[in-house]
Amino acid sequence: MAWSDAGICAVQLPEPDSARTLARLLRGLNGLPEDPPMLLGADAPDDVVKAIRGTQALLQGEPLDLLEVQLDQRGVPEFACRVYALARAIAPGQTRTYGELARELGDVHLSRAVGQALGANPFAPIVPCHRILAAGDRSGGFSAHGGAMQKMRMLEIEGACPGGTLPLF
């Protein structure tokens, strides 16, 4: 996890090893303005420690929404910020589709743009892009290590697809 004085800048779900996880986290920080963010391992402030613990708990199956976690969205396009706000409103164990989010943004034809914004999400799972599915409740994409299978595991942990009943494609 990386943070600044304004909030969490980026979260990286685990890769096969810690070196790859750190490398991918650092790639995701490109383009951030001003001072470089702090990284896990530095002296983390209490709100960051709380965000880390909340993220760990969520990934272990606790039904948390992490809405109290402050995000540093500097450098994030305005459209993506709107998409992320809608995604954060989806409760654990619930899912929505790209089309439903597009409709809430005022144009169902924005479904692909919603998917692209979520594919660039630097805050997963604080911004729970894994809760957004393709039409017909298909998994759609997932940019974290493990792809769609990881997305389905995260949904199953939250109880959104008991028994893995959602189709992968």
C-alpha atoms as a PDB file:
ATOM      1  CA  MET A   1       0.000   0.000   0.000  1.00  0.00           C
ATOM      2  CA  ALA A   2       1.246   3.503  -0.801  1.00  0.00           C
ATOM      3  CA  TRP A   3      -0.011   6.714   0.761  1.00  0.00           C
ATOM      4  CA  SER A   4       0.480  10.451   0.963  1.00  0.00           C
ATOM      5  CA  ASP A   5      -0.718  13.088   3.384  1.00  0.00           C
ATOM      6  CA  ALA A   6      -3.974  13.193   1.381  1.00  0.00           C
ATOM      7  CA  GLY A   7      -4.746   9.471   1.687  1.00  0.00           C
ATOM      8  CA  ILE A   8      -4.088   6.108   0.070  1.00  0.00           C
ATOM      9  CA  CYS A   9      -2.444   6.504  -3.376  1.00  0.00           C
ATOM     10  CA  ALA A  10      -2.371   2.872  -4.434  1.00  0.00           C
ATOM     11  CA  VAL A  11      -2.974  -0.671  -3.256  1.00  0.00           C
ATOM     12  CA  GLN A  12      -1.514  -3.740  -4.886  1.00  0.00           C
ATOM     13  CA  LEU A  13      -3.029  -7.168  -4.407  1.00  0.00           C
ATOM     14  CA  PRO A  14      -0.400  -9.896  -3.942  1.00  0.00           C
ATOM     15  CA  GLU A  15       1.607 -11.122  -6.910  1.00  0.00           C
ATOM     16  CA  PRO A  16       3.470 -14.486  -6.888  1.00  0.00           C
ATOM     17  CA  ASP A  17       6.246 -12.930  -4.770  1.00  0.00           C
ATOM     18  CA  SER A  18       6.902  -9.723  -2.851  1.00  0.00           C
ATOM     19  CA  ALA A  19       9.369  -8.338  -5.422  1.00  0.00           C
ATOM     20  CA  ARG A  20       6.736  -8.532  -8.177  1.00  0.00           C
ATOM     21  CA  THR A  21       4.109  -7.069  -5.876  1.00  0.00           C
ATOM     22  CA  LEU A  22       6.321  -4.076  -5.096  1.00  0.00           C
ATOM     23  CA  ALA A  23       7.301  -3.609  -8.755  1.00  0.00           C
ATOM     24  CA  ARG A  24       3.659  -3.544  -9.839  1.00  0.00           C
ATOM     25  CA  LEU A  25       2.741  -1.151  -7.024  1.00  0.00           C
ATOM     26  CA  LEU A  26       5.530   1.208  -8.088  1.00  0.00           C
ATOM     27  CA  ARG A  27       4.427   1.041 -11.756  1.00  0.00           C
ATOM     28  CA  GLY A  28       0.960   2.068 -10.643  1.00  0.00           C
ATOM     29  CA  LEU A  29       2.344   5.167  -8.964  1.00  0.00           C
ATOM     30  CA  ASN A  30       3.712   6.664 -12.189  1.00  0.00           C
ATOM     31  CA  GLY A  31       2.216  10.053 -12.911  1.00  0.00           C
ATOM     32  CA  LEU A  32       1.449  11.025  -9.336  1.00  0.00           C
ATOM     33  CA  PRO A  33       2.189  14.702  -8.799  1.00  0.00           C
ATOM     34  CA  GLU A  34       4.443  16.325  -6.233  1.00  0.00           C
ATOM     35  CA  ASP A  35       6.184  14.394  -3.479  1.00  0.00           C
ATOM     36  CA  PRO A  36       6.598  10.642  -3.834  1.00  0.00           C
ATOM     37  CA  PRO A  37       4.193   8.628  -1.698  1.00  0.00           C
ATOM     38  CA  MET A  38       5.177   6.582   1.306  1.00  0.00           C
ATOM     39  CA  LEU A  39       5.226   2.806   1.056  1.00  0.00           C
ATOM     40  CA  LEU A  40       4.338   0.039   3.468  1.00  0.00           C
ATOM     41  CA  GLY A  41       7.318  -0.445   5.710  1.00  0.00           C
ATOM     42  CA  ALA A  42       7.716   3.231   6.465  1.00  0.00           C
ATOM     43  CA  ASP A  43       6.225   4.588   9.673  1.00  0.00           C
ATOM     44  CA  ALA A  44       2.568   4.422   8.731  1.00  0.00           C
ATOM     45  CA  PRO A  45       0.106   6.828  10.356  1.00  0.00           C
ATOM     46  CA  ASP A  46      -2.850   5.380  12.255  1.00  0.00           C
ATOM     47  CA  ASP A  47      -5.345   5.899   9.404  1.00  0.00           C
ATOM     48  CA  VAL A  48      -3.058   3.996   7.013  1.00  0.00           C
ATOM     49  CA  VAL A  49      -2.592   1.157   9.508  1.00  0.00           C
ATOM     50  CA  LYS A  50      -6.390   1.037   9.824  1.00  0.00           C
ATOM     51  CA  ALA A  51      -6.713   0.894   6.004  1.00  0.00           C
ATOM     52  CA  ILE A  52      -4.160  -1.923   5.814  1.00  0.00           C
ATOM     53  CA  ARG A  53      -5.915  -3.917   8.527  1.00  0.00           C
ATOM     54  CA  GLY A  54      -9.308  -3.288   6.946  1.00  0.00           C
ATOM     55  CA  THR A  55      -8.052  -4.460   3.563  1.00  0.00           C
ATOM     56  CA  GLN A  56      -6.569  -7.605   5.095  1.00  0.00           C
ATOM     57  CA  ALA A  57      -9.822  -8.301   6.967  1.00  0.00           C
ATOM     58  CA  LEU A  58     -11.885  -7.786   3.807  1.00  0.00           C
ATOM     59  CA  LEU A  59      -9.695 -10.245   1.901  1.00  0.00           C
ATOM     60  CA  GLN A  60     -10.171 -12.754   4.722  1.00  0.00           C
ATOM     61  CA  GLY A  61     -13.955 -12.566   4.434  1.00  0.00           C
ATOM     62  CA  GLU A  62     -15.062  -9.842   6.835  1.00  0.00           C
ATOM     63  CA  PRO A  63     -17.933  -7.869   5.265  1.00  0.00           C
ATOM     64  CA  LEU A  64     -16.294  -4.430   5.273  1.00  0.00           C
ATOM     65  CA  ASP A  65     -16.956  -1.563   2.866  1.00  0.00           C
ATOM     66  CA  LEU A  66     -13.810   0.478   3.697  1.00  0.00           C
ATOM     67  CA  LEU A  67     -15.706   3.708   2.989  1.00  0.00           C
ATOM     68  CA  GLU A  68     -13.857   5.463   5.809  1.00  0.00           C
ATOM     69  CA  VAL A  69     -10.536   5.029   3.989  1.00  0.00           C
ATOM     70  CA  GLN A  70      -9.450   8.355   2.492  1.00  0.00           C
ATOM     71  CA  LEU A  71      -8.097   8.098  -1.059  1.00  0.00           C
ATOM     72  CA  ASP A  72      -5.553  10.397  -2.698  1.00  0.00           C
ATOM     73  CA  GLN A  73      -7.079  10.591  -6.172  1.00  0.00           C
ATOM     74  CA  ARG A  74      -4.733  13.256  -7.553  1.00  0.00           C
ATOM     75  CA  GLY A  75      -3.928  12.300 -11.107  1.00  0.00           C
ATOM     76  CA  VAL A  76      -7.013  10.073 -11.417  1.00  0.00           C
ATOM     77  CA  PRO A  77      -9.311  11.225 -14.255  1.00  0.00           C
ATOM     78  CA  GLU A  78     -12.594  12.795 -13.150  1.00  0.00           C
ATOM     79  CA  PHE A  79     -14.665  10.112 -14.910  1.00  0.00           C
ATOM     80  CA  ALA A  80     -12.763   7.366 -13.091  1.00  0.00           C
ATOM     81  CA  CYS A  81     -13.344   9.137  -9.759  1.00  0.00           C
ATOM     82  CA  ARG A  82     -17.094   9.065 -10.459  1.00  0.00           C
ATOM     83  CA  VAL A  83     -16.927   5.349 -11.330  1.00  0.00           C
ATOM     84  CA  TYR A  84     -14.902   4.616  -8.180  1.00  0.00           C
ATOM     85  CA  ALA A  85     -17.451   6.439  -6.018  1.00  0.00           C
ATOM     86  CA  LEU A  86     -20.235   4.244  -7.432  1.00  0.00           C
ATOM     87  CA  ALA A  87     -18.147   1.105  -6.938  1.00  0.00           C
ATOM     88  CA  ARG A  88     -17.421   2.006  -3.314  1.00  0.00           C
ATOM     89  CA  ALA A  89     -21.174   2.181  -2.673  1.00  0.00           C
ATOM     90  CA  ILE A  90     -21.575  -1.532  -3.514  1.00  0.00           C
ATOM     91  CA  ALA A  91     -21.772  -3.502  -0.280  1.00  0.00           C
ATOM     92  CA  PRO A  92     -19.718  -6.650   0.311  1.00  0.00           C
ATOM     93  CA  GLY A  93     -21.546  -9.686  -1.051  1.00  0.00           C
ATOM     94  CA  GLN A  94     -23.358  -7.593  -3.665  1.00  0.00           C
ATOM     95  CA  THR A  95     -22.527  -7.168  -7.340  1.00  0.00           C
ATOM     96  CA  ARG A  96     -23.467  -4.782 -10.120  1.00  0.00           C
ATOM     97  CA  THR A  97     -22.711  -4.767 -13.834  1.00  0.00           C
ATOM     98  CA  TYR A  98     -20.667  -2.353 -15.911  1.00  0.00           C
ATOM     99  CA  GLY A  99     -23.939  -1.425 -17.626  1.00  0.00           C
ATOM    100  CA  GLU A 100     -25.670  -0.619 -14.347  1.00  0.00           C
ATOM    101  CA  LEU A 101     -22.865   1.733 -13.356  1.00  0.00           C
ATOM    102  CA  ALA A 102     -22.944   3.304 -16.827  1.00  0.00           C
ATOM    103  CA  ARG A 103     -26.688   3.852 -16.476  1.00  0.00           C
ATOM    104  CA  GLU A 104     -26.126   5.569 -13.115  1.00  0.00           C
ATOM    105  CA  LEU A 105     -23.599   7.818 -14.840  1.00  0.00           C
ATOM    106  CA  GLY A 106     -26.309   8.780 -17.310  1.00  0.00           C
ATOM    107  CA  ASP A 107     -25.484   6.740 -20.421  1.00  0.00           C
ATOM    108  CA  VAL A 108     -25.607   2.953 -20.804  1.00  0.00           C
ATOM    109  CA  HIS A 109     -23.184   3.336 -23.720  1.00  0.00           C
ATOM    110  CA  LEU A 110     -20.475   4.181 -21.175  1.00  0.00           C
ATOM    111  CA  SER A 111     -20.212   0.511 -20.140  1.00  0.00           C
ATOM    112  CA  ARG A 112     -16.866   0.028 -21.886  1.00  0.00           C
ATOM    113  CA  ALA A 113     -15.495   3.267 -20.378  1.00  0.00           C
ATOM    114  CA  VAL A 114     -16.630   2.070 -16.937  1.00  0.00           C
ATOM    115  CA  GLY A 115     -14.737  -1.181 -17.502  1.00  0.00           C
ATOM    116  CA  GLN A 116     -11.628   0.700 -18.607  1.00  0.00           C
ATOM    117  CA  ALA A 117     -11.746   2.953 -15.539  1.00  0.00           C
ATOM    118  CA  LEU A 118     -12.084  -0.086 -13.282  1.00  0.00           C
ATOM    119  CA  GLY A 119      -9.248  -1.834 -15.134  1.00  0.00           C
ATOM    120  CA  ALA A 120      -7.005   1.097 -14.195  1.00  0.00           C
ATOM    121  CA  ASN A 121      -8.205   1.152 -10.566  1.00  0.00           C
ATOM    122  CA  PRO A 122      -5.156   1.715  -8.337  1.00  0.00           C
ATOM    123  CA  PHE A 123      -7.160   1.248  -5.137  1.00  0.00           C
ATOM    124  CA  ALA A 124      -8.497  -2.341  -5.281  1.00  0.00           C
ATOM    125  CA  PRO A 125     -10.030  -3.673  -3.095  1.00  0.00           C
ATOM    126  CA  ILE A 126     -10.707  -0.354  -1.292  1.00  0.00           C
ATOM    127  CA  VAL A 127     -12.474   0.555  -4.532  1.00  0.00           C
ATOM    128  CA  PRO A 128     -14.055  -2.895  -4.962  1.00  0.00           C
ATOM    129  CA  CYS A 129     -13.871  -3.319  -8.729  1.00  0.00           C
ATOM    130  CA  HIS A 130     -14.204  -7.080  -8.209  1.00  0.00           C
ATOM    131  CA  ARG A 131     -17.894  -6.458  -7.378  1.00  0.00           C
ATOM    132  CA  ILE A 132     -18.631  -5.224 -10.902  1.00  0.00           C
ATOM    133  CA  LEU A 133     -19.470  -7.875 -13.484  1.00  0.00           C
ATOM    134  CA  ALA A 134     -20.045  -8.014 -17.220  1.00  0.00           C
ATOM    135  CA  ALA A 135     -23.534  -8.371 -18.695  1.00  0.00           C
ATOM    136  CA  GLY A 136     -25.288 -11.597 -17.777  1.00  0.00           C
ATOM    137  CA  ASP A 137     -23.330 -11.728 -14.516  1.00  0.00           C
ATOM    138  CA  ARG A 138     -20.207 -12.943 -16.333  1.00  0.00           C
ATOM    139  CA  SER A 139     -16.969 -12.193 -14.529  1.00  0.00           C
ATOM    140  CA  GLY A 140     -15.544  -9.747 -17.046  1.00  0.00           C
ATOM    141  CA  GLY A 141     -11.926  -8.740 -16.641  1.00  0.00           C
ATOM    142  CA  PHE A 142      -9.738  -8.253 -13.596  1.00  0.00           C
ATOM    143  CA  SER A 143      -6.298  -6.699 -13.825  1.00  0.00           C
ATOM    144  CA  ALA A 144      -4.839  -8.141 -10.601  1.00  0.00           C
ATOM    145  CA  HIS A 145      -2.660 -11.255 -10.602  1.00  0.00           C
ATOM    146  CA  GLY A 146      -4.897 -14.266 -11.186  1.00  0.00           C
ATOM    147  CA  GLY A 147      -7.289 -12.349 -13.441  1.00  0.00           C
ATOM    148  CA  ALA A 148     -10.919 -13.451 -13.548  1.00  0.00           C
ATOM    149  CA  MET A 149     -10.255 -16.444 -11.280  1.00  0.00           C
ATOM    150  CA  GLN A 150      -8.963 -14.088  -8.564  1.00  0.00           C
ATOM    151  CA  LYS A 151     -12.027 -11.889  -9.023  1.00  0.00           C
ATOM    152  CA  MET A 152     -14.283 -14.911  -8.565  1.00  0.00           C
ATOM    153  CA  ARG A 153     -12.353 -16.005  -5.443  1.00  0.00           C
ATOM    154  CA  MET A 154     -12.792 -12.539  -3.943  1.00  0.00           C
ATOM    155  CA  LEU A 155     -16.521 -12.608  -4.689  1.00  0.00           C
ATOM    156  CA  GLU A 156     -16.818 -16.071  -3.190  1.00  0.00           C
ATOM    157  CA  ILE A 157     -15.010 -14.908  -0.022  1.00  0.00           C
ATOM    158  CA  GLU A 158     -17.633 -12.155   0.250  1.00  0.00           C
ATOM    159  CA  GLY A 159     -20.473 -14.619  -0.345  1.00  0.00           C
ATOM    160  CA  ALA A 160     -21.488 -13.054  -3.661  1.00  0.00           C
ATOM    161  CA  CYS A 161     -21.205 -16.311  -5.619  1.00  0.00           C
ATOM    162  CA  PRO A 162     -21.703 -19.228  -3.255  1.00  0.00           C
ATOM    163  CA  GLY A 163     -20.222 -22.372  -4.705  1.00  0.00           C
ATOM    164  CA  GLY A 164     -18.660 -20.448  -7.593  1.00  0.00           C
ATOM    165  CA  THR A 165     -21.935 -20.335  -9.497  1.00  0.00           C
ATOM    166  CA  LEU A 166     -21.112 -17.288 -11.603  1.00  0.00           C
ATOM    167  CA  PRO A 167     -19.808 -18.154 -15.087  1.00  0.00           C
ATOM    168  CA  LEU A 168     -16.244 -17.072 -15.873  1.00  0.00           C
ATOM    169  CA  PHE A 169     -16.975 -15.930 -19.430  1.00  0.00           C
END
